[in-house]
Amino acid sequence: MLASLTEDAAVLGVVWFALEHPRAAAGIAGVLLVTGLVLLVLIARAVRRGWRRWKQREPLHLAGHPTDR
């Protein structure tokens, strides 16, 4: 319940700030948008790199067991 009330207060604060300072709020929104897009690209690259590595690894049934030597 406390988390919900805190969230409601935060939303009211953000709306008040946007109404009182629209240019600053637009600037902050723009920075957050660009930051989110950059993070999305970085995460997508990491996932693709991990997928490629996962696809290249040798299957377990072909890898041999260390005790087989």
N, C-alpha and C. Protein backbone atom coordinates (compact mmCIF):
# COMPACT_ATOMS: atom_id res chain seq x y z
N MET A 1 0.83 -1.19 0.00
CA MET A 1 0.00 0.00 0.00
C MET A 1 0.87 1.25 0.00
N LEU A 2 1.97 1.21 0.77
CA LEU A 2 2.87 2.36 0.81
C LEU A 2 3.50 2.60 -0.56
N ALA A 3 3.84 1.53 -1.26
CA ALA A 3 4.42 1.67 -2.59
C ALA A 3 3.43 2.33 -3.55
N SER A 4 2.17 1.95 -3.46
CA SER A 4 1.14 2.53 -4.32
C SER A 4 0.96 4.02 -4.04
N LEU A 5 0.93 4.38 -2.78
CA LEU A 5 0.80 5.80 -2.42
C LEU A 5 2.02 6.59 -2.87
N THR A 6 3.20 6.00 -2.74
CA THR A 6 4.42 6.66 -3.18
C THR A 6 4.39 6.87 -4.69
N GLU A 7 3.93 5.86 -5.42
CA GLU A 7 3.82 5.98 -6.87
C GLU A 7 2.83 7.08 -7.26
N ASP A 8 1.70 7.13 -6.58
CA ASP A 8 0.70 8.16 -6.87
C ASP A 8 1.28 9.55 -6.62
N ALA A 9 2.01 9.71 -5.53
CA ALA A 9 2.62 11.00 -5.22
C ALA A 9 3.67 11.36 -6.27
N ALA A 10 4.43 10.39 -6.73
CA ALA A 10 5.44 10.65 -7.75
C ALA A 10 4.78 11.09 -9.06
N VAL A 11 3.69 10.44 -9.43
CA VAL A 11 2.98 10.81 -10.66
C VAL A 11 2.44 12.23 -10.53
N LEU A 12 1.86 12.56 -9.41
CA LEU A 12 1.36 13.92 -9.21
C LEU A 12 2.49 14.94 -9.30
N GLY A 13 3.63 14.61 -8.73
CA GLY A 13 4.78 15.51 -8.78
C GLY A 13 5.28 15.72 -10.20
N VAL A 14 5.32 14.64 -10.97
CA VAL A 14 5.78 14.75 -12.36
C VAL A 14 4.79 15.56 -13.19
N VAL A 15 3.51 15.33 -13.00
CA VAL A 15 2.49 16.09 -13.74
C VAL A 15 2.56 17.56 -13.36
N TRP A 16 2.69 17.85 -12.09
CA TRP A 16 2.81 19.25 -11.66
C TRP A 16 4.04 19.89 -12.29
N PHE A 17 5.17 19.18 -12.27
CA PHE A 17 6.41 19.72 -12.86
C PHE A 17 6.23 19.98 -14.35
N ALA A 18 5.57 19.05 -15.05
CA ALA A 18 5.37 19.22 -16.49
C ALA A 18 4.46 20.40 -16.79
N LEU A 19 3.48 20.64 -15.94
CA LEU A 19 2.59 21.78 -16.15
C LEU A 19 3.26 23.11 -15.82
N GLU A 20 4.09 23.12 -14.80
CA GLU A 20 4.75 24.35 -14.38
C GLU A 20 5.99 24.67 -15.23
N HIS A 21 6.68 23.66 -15.70
CA HIS A 21 7.94 23.84 -16.45
C HIS A 21 7.93 22.94 -17.68
N PRO A 22 7.10 23.26 -18.67
CA PRO A 22 6.95 22.35 -19.82
C PRO A 22 8.24 22.15 -20.64
N ARG A 23 9.04 23.19 -20.80
CA ARG A 23 10.27 23.04 -21.59
C ARG A 23 11.28 22.15 -20.87
N ALA A 24 11.42 22.35 -19.58
CA ALA A 24 12.35 21.51 -18.82
C ALA A 24 11.86 20.06 -18.82
N ALA A 25 10.56 19.87 -18.68
CA ALA A 25 10.00 18.51 -18.69
C ALA A 25 10.21 17.86 -20.06
N ALA A 26 10.05 18.62 -21.13
CA ALA A 26 10.28 18.08 -22.47
C ALA A 26 11.75 17.73 -22.66
N GLY A 27 12.63 18.55 -22.14
CA GLY A 27 14.06 18.25 -22.21
C GLY A 27 14.42 16.98 -21.47
N ILE A 28 13.88 16.84 -20.27
CA ILE A 28 14.13 15.63 -19.47
C ILE A 28 13.56 14.41 -20.18
N ALA A 29 12.35 14.54 -20.74
CA ALA A 29 11.75 13.42 -21.47
C ALA A 29 12.60 13.04 -22.67
N GLY A 30 13.14 14.03 -23.37
CA GLY A 30 14.00 13.75 -24.52
C GLY A 30 15.27 13.01 -24.12
N VAL A 31 15.89 13.45 -23.03
CA VAL A 31 17.10 12.79 -22.54
C VAL A 31 16.79 11.35 -22.13
N LEU A 32 15.68 11.15 -21.44
CA LEU A 32 15.29 9.80 -21.04
C LEU A 32 14.99 8.92 -22.25
N LEU A 33 14.38 9.48 -23.28
CA LEU A 33 14.08 8.73 -24.50
C LEU A 33 15.37 8.28 -25.18
N VAL A 34 16.31 9.20 -25.34
CA VAL A 34 17.58 8.86 -25.99
C VAL A 34 18.34 7.83 -25.16
N THR A 35 18.35 8.00 -23.85
CA THR A 35 19.02 7.04 -22.97
C THR A 35 18.39 5.66 -23.10
N GLY A 36 17.09 5.59 -23.15
CA GLY A 36 16.40 4.31 -23.31
C GLY A 36 16.72 3.65 -24.64
N LEU A 37 16.79 4.45 -25.70
CA LEU A 37 17.12 3.89 -27.01
C LEU A 37 18.56 3.36 -27.05
N VAL A 38 19.49 4.10 -26.44
CA VAL A 38 20.88 3.64 -26.38
C VAL A 38 20.97 2.34 -25.60
N LEU A 39 20.29 2.27 -24.47
CA LEU A 39 20.29 1.03 -23.68
C LEU A 39 19.68 -0.12 -24.46
N LEU A 40 18.63 0.14 -25.20
CA LEU A 40 17.99 -0.90 -26.02
C LEU A 40 18.96 -1.45 -27.06
N VAL A 41 19.71 -0.57 -27.72
CA VAL A 41 20.69 -1.01 -28.72
C VAL A 41 21.79 -1.84 -28.05
N LEU A 42 22.29 -1.38 -26.90
CA LEU A 42 23.36 -2.11 -26.21
C LEU A 42 22.89 -3.49 -25.75
N ILE A 43 21.68 -3.57 -25.23
CA ILE A 43 21.14 -4.86 -24.79
C ILE A 43 20.92 -5.78 -25.98
N ALA A 44 20.42 -5.23 -27.09
CA ALA A 44 20.21 -6.06 -28.29
C ALA A 44 21.54 -6.62 -28.80
N ARG A 45 22.60 -5.81 -28.79
CA ARG A 45 23.92 -6.30 -29.21
C ARG A 45 24.41 -7.41 -28.30
N ALA A 46 24.24 -7.22 -26.99
CA ALA A 46 24.69 -8.24 -26.04
C ALA A 46 23.92 -9.55 -26.23
N VAL A 47 22.62 -9.45 -26.48
CA VAL A 47 21.81 -10.66 -26.69
C VAL A 47 22.24 -11.35 -27.97
N ARG A 48 22.45 -10.60 -29.04
CA ARG A 48 22.90 -11.21 -30.30
C ARG A 48 24.25 -11.88 -30.14
N ARG A 49 25.19 -11.22 -29.43
CA ARG A 49 26.51 -11.80 -29.21
C ARG A 49 26.39 -13.09 -28.39
N GLY A 50 25.57 -13.07 -27.37
CA GLY A 50 25.36 -14.27 -26.56
C GLY A 50 24.70 -15.38 -27.36
N TRP A 51 23.76 -15.04 -28.21
CA TRP A 51 23.08 -16.04 -29.04
C TRP A 51 24.07 -16.70 -29.99
N ARG A 52 24.95 -15.87 -30.61
CA ARG A 52 25.95 -16.42 -31.53
C ARG A 52 26.89 -17.37 -30.79
N ARG A 53 27.34 -16.97 -29.61
CA ARG A 53 28.23 -17.83 -28.83
C ARG A 53 27.52 -19.12 -28.44
N TRP A 54 26.26 -19.02 -28.05
CA TRP A 54 25.51 -20.20 -27.64
C TRP A 54 25.32 -21.15 -28.81
N LYS A 55 25.06 -20.59 -30.00
CA LYS A 55 24.86 -21.44 -31.17
C LYS A 55 26.17 -22.10 -31.63
N GLN A 56 27.33 -21.52 -31.34
CA GLN A 56 28.61 -22.05 -31.78
C GLN A 56 29.18 -23.10 -30.83
N ARG A 57 28.69 -23.18 -29.62
CA ARG A 57 29.28 -24.12 -28.68
C ARG A 57 28.97 -25.56 -29.08
N GLU A 58 29.82 -26.45 -28.64
CA GLU A 58 29.68 -27.85 -29.01
C GLU A 58 28.57 -28.50 -28.19
N PRO A 59 27.72 -29.30 -28.81
CA PRO A 59 26.64 -29.97 -28.06
C PRO A 59 27.23 -30.87 -26.97
N LEU A 60 26.49 -31.02 -25.90
CA LEU A 60 26.98 -31.79 -24.76
C LEU A 60 27.23 -33.26 -25.12
N HIS A 61 26.40 -33.85 -25.95
CA HIS A 61 26.57 -35.27 -26.26
C HIS A 61 27.80 -35.52 -27.16
N LEU A 62 28.34 -34.46 -27.77
CA LEU A 62 29.53 -34.61 -28.61
C LEU A 62 30.80 -34.12 -27.91
N ALA A 63 30.65 -33.43 -26.81
CA ALA A 63 31.78 -32.79 -26.17
C ALA A 63 32.71 -33.80 -25.49
N GLY A 64 32.21 -34.94 -25.11
CA GLY A 64 33.04 -35.89 -24.37
C GLY A 64 33.11 -35.51 -22.91
N HIS A 65 33.28 -36.45 -22.09
CA HIS A 65 33.32 -36.22 -20.66
C HIS A 65 34.78 -36.25 -20.22
N PRO A 66 35.19 -35.41 -19.26
CA PRO A 66 36.59 -35.37 -18.82
C PRO A 66 37.09 -36.72 -18.31
N THR A 67 36.22 -37.59 -17.83
CA THR A 67 36.64 -38.89 -17.31
C THR A 67 36.83 -39.91 -18.43
N ASP A 68 36.50 -39.55 -19.67
CA ASP A 68 36.66 -40.48 -20.80
C ASP A 68 38.11 -40.60 -21.26
N ARG A 69 38.99 -39.77 -20.76
CA ARG A 69 40.37 -39.77 -21.23
C ARG A 69 41.21 -40.79 -20.57
